[in-house]
Amino acid sequence: MQPESEPEGGGPVDESVREPPGAALRPVVGWYSGYRQAGVPAGRHRGLPSPYLTLILTLDDPLTMLAHPDPRQVPGDFRLLLGGLHTAPALIGHDGRQSGVQIALDPLGARALLGIPAGELAEIDVSADAVLGRDIVLAQERLRAAKDWPGRFAVVDDWLAKRAAKSADKSAGKSAGTAIPAELTHAWRLLLHSRGTLPIAELAEELGWSARRLSGRFSAEFGLTPKAAARVIRFDRARRRLADRARRGPVEVWPDADRRRGLGLAGLAVDAGYYDQAHLDREFNALAGCPPVAWLAEEFRNIQSGAVPGERTWNRPENEGPGGTTTKEQ
């Protein structure tokens, strides 16, 4: 049978759908994003750091990772991909065809949904069945059998809800040894609520911990130090606001100072918690591998088609800011 992503009558296929999870999963899942492309130009893009773990179940063709956040990882193809929090970009490529469902997992839900703390996946990508076993393989089979996006999202919702329920059943009546300590849950939520601007000394004081204890415990649980997590949260908000401004345009998106005034980078930088535009540029270079305007020019065709640049896959509707919404940045 011909894959659904094959163009009919020679025309391209370019679908992108985002939905929130069911109400029971919203504390631990940000959103579901479905994408399907065929017959479009081959391309590649950067998968940028964000405050969510990445879980991708492909539909037709594997996901091609040209480079991982950790350069020591060998590039390769994945039919099921699970990635942890990271502070460097990934590089994803496709030959004009790609399809799948991406799930944004809150690090606070990693133990319940994955059976491991988010810290075990820091800066790496793995084949998801190495962590989730046959369970995710069966979920992928059900996903591929679904006929449309509502049906596919229903499959994912049902699968994750059952995993969460099983985790809750195992924890019932037992000690809290497998739960995230309340102090770390509080710390993560405080960083999100502050949009990455809360000083780490104040965070440690709020918990009644030393800075050293906070850094060690936080890193073990989430895979990033509190300072690195704050940087990622702040950066994620800034680059989404930048993409949103370009989408709302009209804006000339080129690394030419005379043609980028409509982006308001200086004001955006301060609003996002940076000292000035130079600080924003440095953070973009560190976390995205290029300055903000260069990144935007590189990804602009995604914005023109209504996508959010920088996600692990191409097609993302734009939303705004982590912490406080069910679809990441609404």
Protein backbone atom coordinates (compact mmCIF):
# COMPACT_ATOMS: atom_id res chain seq x y z
CA MET A 1 0.00 0.00 0.00
CA GLN A 2 1.30 3.48 -0.85
CA PRO A 3 2.37 5.48 2.25
CA GLU A 4 -0.08 8.19 3.19
CA SER A 5 2.67 10.78 2.85
CA GLU A 6 3.15 10.07 -0.86
CA PRO A 7 1.87 13.01 -2.92
CA GLU A 8 -1.23 12.30 -4.95
CA GLY A 9 -1.33 13.60 -8.49
CA GLY A 10 2.20 14.98 -8.17
CA GLY A 11 1.31 17.60 -5.55
CA PRO A 12 3.26 18.05 -2.33
CA VAL A 13 1.97 17.11 1.11
CA ASP A 14 2.69 19.55 3.93
CA GLU A 15 0.69 18.98 7.13
CA SER A 16 1.28 20.31 10.63
CA VAL A 17 -1.09 19.89 13.56
CA ARG A 18 -0.59 20.63 17.26
CA GLU A 19 -2.93 19.62 20.08
CA PRO A 20 -2.77 19.61 23.88
CA PRO A 21 -2.91 16.25 25.63
CA GLY A 22 -5.91 15.07 27.58
CA ALA A 23 -6.56 16.86 30.86
CA ALA A 24 -5.07 14.09 33.00
CA LEU A 25 -1.71 14.34 31.20
CA ARG A 26 -1.36 18.11 31.07
CA PRO A 27 0.77 18.33 34.23
CA VAL A 28 3.44 16.17 32.56
CA VAL A 29 2.99 16.62 28.78
CA GLY A 30 3.23 19.95 26.98
CA TRP A 31 1.68 19.10 23.62
CA TYR A 32 1.46 16.68 20.70
CA SER A 33 2.68 17.82 17.31
CA GLY A 34 1.88 15.89 14.15
CA TYR A 35 3.79 16.52 10.94
CA ARG A 36 3.74 15.03 7.47
CA GLN A 37 5.66 16.23 4.45
CA ALA A 38 6.31 14.68 1.04
CA GLY A 39 7.29 16.12 -2.27
CA VAL A 40 8.81 19.22 -0.63
CA PRO A 41 12.41 20.39 -1.06
CA ALA A 42 15.00 18.51 0.96
CA GLY A 43 16.27 20.47 3.91
CA ARG A 44 17.82 20.56 7.34
CA HIS A 45 17.42 22.68 10.43
CA ARG A 46 18.55 23.13 14.00
CA GLY A 47 16.77 21.46 16.89
CA LEU A 48 17.21 23.98 19.66
CA PRO A 49 17.33 23.59 23.45
CA SER A 50 14.00 23.85 25.26
CA PRO A 51 12.61 22.98 28.72
CA TYR A 52 10.99 19.79 27.40
CA LEU A 53 12.23 16.32 26.64
CA THR A 54 11.61 15.17 23.06
CA LEU A 55 9.82 11.92 22.17
CA ILE A 56 9.18 11.23 18.47
CA LEU A 57 7.30 8.32 16.94
CA THR A 58 7.73 8.36 13.16
CA LEU A 59 4.98 7.27 10.79
CA ASP A 60 6.60 6.46 7.44
CA ASP A 61 10.26 7.37 7.17
CA PRO A 62 12.87 7.47 9.93
CA LEU A 63 14.07 10.71 11.46
CA THR A 64 17.56 11.59 10.25
CA MET A 65 19.84 13.10 12.88
CA LEU A 66 22.77 14.72 11.13
CA ALA A 67 24.25 15.85 14.45
CA HIS A 68 23.29 15.36 18.09
CA PRO A 69 23.60 17.91 20.91
CA ASP A 70 26.56 15.86 22.12
CA PRO A 71 28.97 15.81 19.15
CA ARG A 72 30.41 12.52 20.40
CA GLN A 73 27.19 10.77 19.37
CA VAL A 74 27.27 9.24 15.91
CA PRO A 75 24.68 10.62 13.44
CA GLY A 76 21.98 8.20 12.36
CA ASP A 77 18.34 7.44 11.61
CA PHE A 78 15.68 6.87 14.26
CA ARG A 79 12.21 5.41 13.94
CA LEU A 80 11.67 6.16 17.63
CA LEU A 81 13.66 8.94 19.26
CA LEU A 82 13.93 10.07 22.87
CA GLY A 83 16.04 13.09 23.72
CA GLY A 84 16.85 14.74 27.02
CA LEU A 85 17.35 18.37 27.95
CA HIS A 86 20.32 19.85 26.14
CA THR A 87 22.36 23.04 25.81
CA ALA A 88 23.53 22.71 22.21
CA PRO A 89 21.59 22.36 18.96
CA ALA A 90 20.84 19.15 17.13
CA LEU A 91 20.82 19.07 13.34
CA ILE A 92 17.98 17.28 11.56
CA GLY A 93 17.75 16.57 7.85
CA HIS A 94 15.20 15.15 5.42
CA ASP A 95 15.09 14.33 1.73
CA GLY A 96 11.68 15.89 1.13
CA ARG A 97 9.72 13.32 3.14
CA GLN A 98 9.15 13.10 6.87
CA SER A 99 6.24 12.25 9.13
CA GLY A 100 5.53 11.49 12.74
CA VAL A 101 4.23 12.67 16.08
CA GLN A 102 6.40 14.62 18.47
CA ILE A 103 5.56 14.64 22.17
CA ALA A 104 6.86 17.36 24.46
CA LEU A 105 7.50 15.76 27.85
CA ASP A 106 7.82 17.85 30.98
CA PRO A 107 10.92 16.73 32.93
CA LEU A 108 8.69 16.43 36.00
CA GLY A 109 6.88 13.58 34.23
CA ALA A 110 9.94 11.63 33.16
CA ARG A 111 9.87 9.16 36.05
CA ALA A 112 6.15 8.46 35.62
CA LEU A 113 6.12 8.16 31.82
CA LEU A 114 9.63 6.89 31.07
CA GLY A 115 10.53 5.08 34.27
CA ILE A 116 13.78 7.07 34.64
CA PRO A 117 14.68 10.60 35.75
CA ALA A 118 15.24 13.14 33.00
CA GLY A 119 18.84 13.42 34.16
CA GLU A 120 19.68 10.04 32.63
CA LEU A 121 19.01 11.48 29.17
CA ALA A 122 20.91 14.76 29.53
CA GLU A 123 22.42 16.04 26.27
CA ILE A 124 21.81 12.76 24.40
CA ASP A 125 19.36 11.17 21.97
CA VAL A 126 18.54 7.47 22.19
CA SER A 127 16.30 5.03 20.40
CA ALA A 128 13.15 5.27 22.50
CA ASP A 129 12.54 1.52 22.52
CA ALA A 130 15.84 1.10 24.40
CA VAL A 131 14.11 2.86 27.31
CA LEU A 132 10.44 1.98 26.80
CA GLY A 133 10.81 -1.46 25.27
CA ARG A 134 8.10 -3.25 23.35
CA ASP A 135 5.46 -0.93 24.78
CA ILE A 136 6.42 1.96 22.50
CA VAL A 137 6.80 -0.31 19.49
CA LEU A 138 3.20 -1.45 19.93
CA ALA A 139 2.10 2.16 20.40
CA GLN A 140 3.80 3.08 17.14
CA GLU A 141 1.97 0.27 15.34
CA ARG A 142 -1.34 1.60 16.63
CA LEU A 143 -0.32 5.12 15.65
CA ARG A 144 0.41 4.07 12.08
CA ALA A 145 -2.94 2.32 11.82
CA ALA A 146 -4.86 5.48 12.79
CA LYS A 147 -6.49 7.25 9.85
CA ASP A 148 -6.19 10.93 10.77
CA TRP A 149 -4.57 13.32 13.23
CA PRO A 150 -7.35 13.22 15.84
CA GLY A 151 -7.10 9.43 15.78
CA ARG A 152 -3.32 9.51 16.08
CA PHE A 153 -3.39 11.92 18.99
CA ALA A 154 -6.02 9.75 20.67
CA VAL A 155 -3.67 6.76 20.37
CA VAL A 156 -0.82 8.69 21.96
CA ASP A 157 -3.05 10.06 24.70
CA ASP A 158 -4.37 6.61 25.56
CA TRP A 159 -0.89 5.09 25.56
CA LEU A 160 0.64 7.75 27.82
CA ALA A 161 -2.36 7.76 30.15
CA LYS A 162 -1.98 4.01 30.66
CA ARG A 163 1.73 4.39 31.36
CA ALA A 164 0.99 7.11 33.92
CA ALA A 165 -1.69 4.96 35.55
CA LYS A 166 0.65 1.97 35.80
CA SER A 167 3.30 4.15 37.36
CA ALA A 168 0.80 5.46 39.91
CA ASP A 169 -0.33 1.92 40.74
CA LYS A 170 3.26 0.82 41.35
CA SER A 171 3.85 3.77 43.64
CA ALA A 172 0.65 3.33 45.64
CA GLY A 173 1.32 2.22 49.18
CA LYS A 174 5.07 2.37 48.70
CA SER A 175 7.66 4.82 49.91
CA ALA A 176 8.26 7.96 47.90
CA GLY A 177 11.72 6.76 46.86
CA THR A 178 10.83 6.78 43.17
CA ALA A 179 9.11 10.18 43.26
CA ILE A 180 10.81 13.47 42.50
CA PRO A 181 11.60 15.21 45.80
CA ALA A 182 9.16 18.03 46.45
CA GLU A 183 12.00 20.55 46.72
CA LEU A 184 13.18 19.77 43.18
CA THR A 185 9.66 19.96 41.79
CA HIS A 186 9.32 23.35 43.44
CA ALA A 187 12.70 24.48 42.10
CA TRP A 188 11.83 23.54 38.52
CA ARG A 189 8.48 25.31 38.69
CA LEU A 190 10.03 28.43 40.17
CA LEU A 191 12.50 28.63 37.29
CA LEU A 192 9.69 28.22 34.77
CA HIS A 193 7.49 30.77 36.50
CA SER A 194 10.36 33.29 36.47
CA ARG A 195 10.98 32.52 32.77
CA GLY A 196 14.56 31.69 33.62
CA THR A 197 15.36 34.96 35.36
CA LEU A 198 15.36 33.86 39.02
CA PRO A 199 18.87 34.17 40.53
CA ILE A 200 20.14 30.77 41.59
CA ALA A 201 21.17 32.09 45.01
CA GLU A 202 17.56 33.10 45.63
CA LEU A 203 16.37 29.69 44.45
CA ALA A 204 18.69 27.93 46.91
CA GLU A 205 17.55 30.25 49.71
CA GLU A 206 13.90 29.53 48.89
CA LEU A 207 14.57 25.79 49.29
CA GLY A 208 16.74 26.19 52.37
CA TRP A 209 19.58 24.38 50.60
CA SER A 210 23.17 25.33 49.92
CA ALA A 211 23.96 26.27 46.32
CA ARG A 212 26.18 23.18 46.08
CA ARG A 213 23.45 20.83 47.26
CA LEU A 214 20.91 22.42 44.92
CA SER A 215 23.24 22.10 41.94
CA GLY A 216 24.04 18.45 42.63
CA ARG A 217 20.49 17.30 43.30
CA PHE A 218 18.99 19.36 40.47
CA SER A 219 21.55 18.12 37.94
CA ALA A 220 21.01 14.49 38.90
CA GLU A 221 17.25 14.80 38.45
CA PHE A 222 16.99 16.98 35.35
CA GLY A 223 20.36 16.68 33.64
CA LEU A 224 21.19 20.38 33.75
CA THR A 225 22.44 22.60 36.55
CA PRO A 226 19.93 25.19 37.77
CA LYS A 227 21.93 27.89 35.97
CA ALA A 228 21.93 25.94 32.69
CA ALA A 229 18.21 25.20 33.01
CA ALA A 230 17.49 28.89 33.57
CA ARG A 231 19.51 29.76 30.45
CA VAL A 232 17.55 27.25 28.37
CA ILE A 233 14.18 28.49 29.66
CA ARG A 234 15.10 32.12 28.98
CA PHE A 235 16.52 31.31 25.54
CA ASP A 236 13.48 29.25 24.55
CA ARG A 237 11.16 32.12 25.33
CA ALA A 238 13.34 34.63 23.47
CA ARG A 239 13.63 32.63 20.28
CA ARG A 240 9.89 31.92 20.20
CA ARG A 241 9.12 35.59 20.59
CA LEU A 242 11.58 36.32 17.81
CA ALA A 243 9.91 33.78 15.53
CA ASP A 244 6.50 35.16 16.39
CA ARG A 245 7.53 38.69 15.47
CA ALA A 246 8.85 37.50 12.12
CA ARG A 247 5.66 35.56 11.43
CA ARG A 248 3.51 38.57 12.16
CA GLY A 249 5.75 40.66 9.84
CA PRO A 250 6.25 42.03 7.40
CA VAL A 251 9.88 41.95 8.51
CA GLU A 252 13.06 41.76 6.45
CA VAL A 253 14.89 38.79 7.98
CA TRP A 254 18.55 39.09 7.06
CA PRO A 255 21.78 39.52 9.05
CA ASP A 256 21.95 43.11 7.79
CA ALA A 257 21.50 45.73 10.49
CA ASP A 258 19.76 48.14 8.14
CA ARG A 259 17.07 45.59 7.28
CA ARG A 260 16.26 44.03 10.64
CA ARG A 261 14.86 46.98 12.57
CA GLY A 262 11.33 45.56 12.56
CA LEU A 263 12.41 42.71 14.81
CA GLY A 264 13.11 45.06 17.75
CA LEU A 265 15.93 42.87 19.03
CA ALA A 266 17.13 45.30 21.68
CA GLY A 267 13.70 45.54 23.30
CA LEU A 268 13.09 41.82 22.92
CA ALA A 269 16.40 41.07 24.64
CA VAL A 270 15.59 43.17 27.69
CA ASP A 271 12.03 41.87 27.87
CA ALA A 272 13.32 38.29 27.81
CA GLY A 273 15.66 38.91 30.72
CA TYR A 274 18.94 39.68 28.97
CA TYR A 275 21.09 42.69 29.80
CA ASP A 276 21.06 43.95 26.22
CA GLN A 277 21.11 42.79 22.61
CA ALA A 278 24.78 41.82 22.83
CA HIS A 279 23.90 39.46 25.70
CA LEU A 280 21.10 37.94 23.59
CA ASP A 281 23.51 37.48 20.68
CA ARG A 282 26.04 35.70 22.90
CA GLU A 283 23.43 33.34 24.30
CA PHE A 284 22.11 32.54 20.82
CA ASN A 285 25.63 31.77 19.65
CA ALA A 286 26.15 29.51 22.64
CA LEU A 287 22.82 27.64 22.54
CA ALA A 288 21.86 27.77 18.85
CA GLY A 289 25.29 27.95 17.26
CA CYS A 290 24.60 31.24 15.46
CA PRO A 291 23.30 34.78 16.12
CA PRO A 292 19.51 35.28 16.33
CA VAL A 293 19.08 37.00 12.97
CA ALA A 294 21.21 34.40 11.18
CA TRP A 295 19.11 31.66 12.76
CA LEU A 296 15.92 33.38 11.72
CA ALA A 297 17.11 33.84 8.15
CA GLU A 298 18.12 30.16 8.04
CA GLU A 299 14.71 29.00 9.26
CA PHE A 300 12.52 31.69 7.73
CA ARG A 301 10.79 29.44 5.25
CA ASN A 302 9.35 27.52 8.22
CA ILE A 303 7.90 30.73 9.60
CA GLN A 304 6.36 31.60 6.26
CA SER A 305 4.55 28.27 6.29
CA GLY A 306 3.28 28.81 9.85
CA ALA A 307 5.85 26.67 11.64
CA VAL A 308 7.98 27.33 14.68
CA PRO A 309 11.67 27.08 13.77
CA GLY A 310 14.07 25.18 15.94
CA GLU A 311 11.97 22.25 17.10
CA ARG A 312 13.23 18.74 16.52
CA THR A 313 10.96 18.49 13.49
CA TRP A 314 9.98 21.05 10.90
CA ASN A 315 6.36 21.98 11.31
CA ARG A 316 5.36 23.73 14.52
CA PRO A 317 2.61 26.32 14.98
CA GLU A 318 3.93 29.23 17.01
CA ASN A 319 3.06 29.52 20.69
CA GLU A 320 4.72 31.50 23.43
CA GLY A 321 6.55 30.62 26.64
CA PRO A 322 7.07 27.65 28.93
CA GLY A 323 5.52 27.28 32.31
CA GLY A 324 1.88 28.18 32.65
CA THR A 325 0.31 26.85 29.46
CA THR A 326 -0.64 23.41 28.23
CA THR A 327 0.71 23.96 24.74
CA LYS A 328 4.07 25.24 25.81
CA GLU A 329 3.90 28.86 24.70
CA GLN A 330 0.42 30.08 24.10
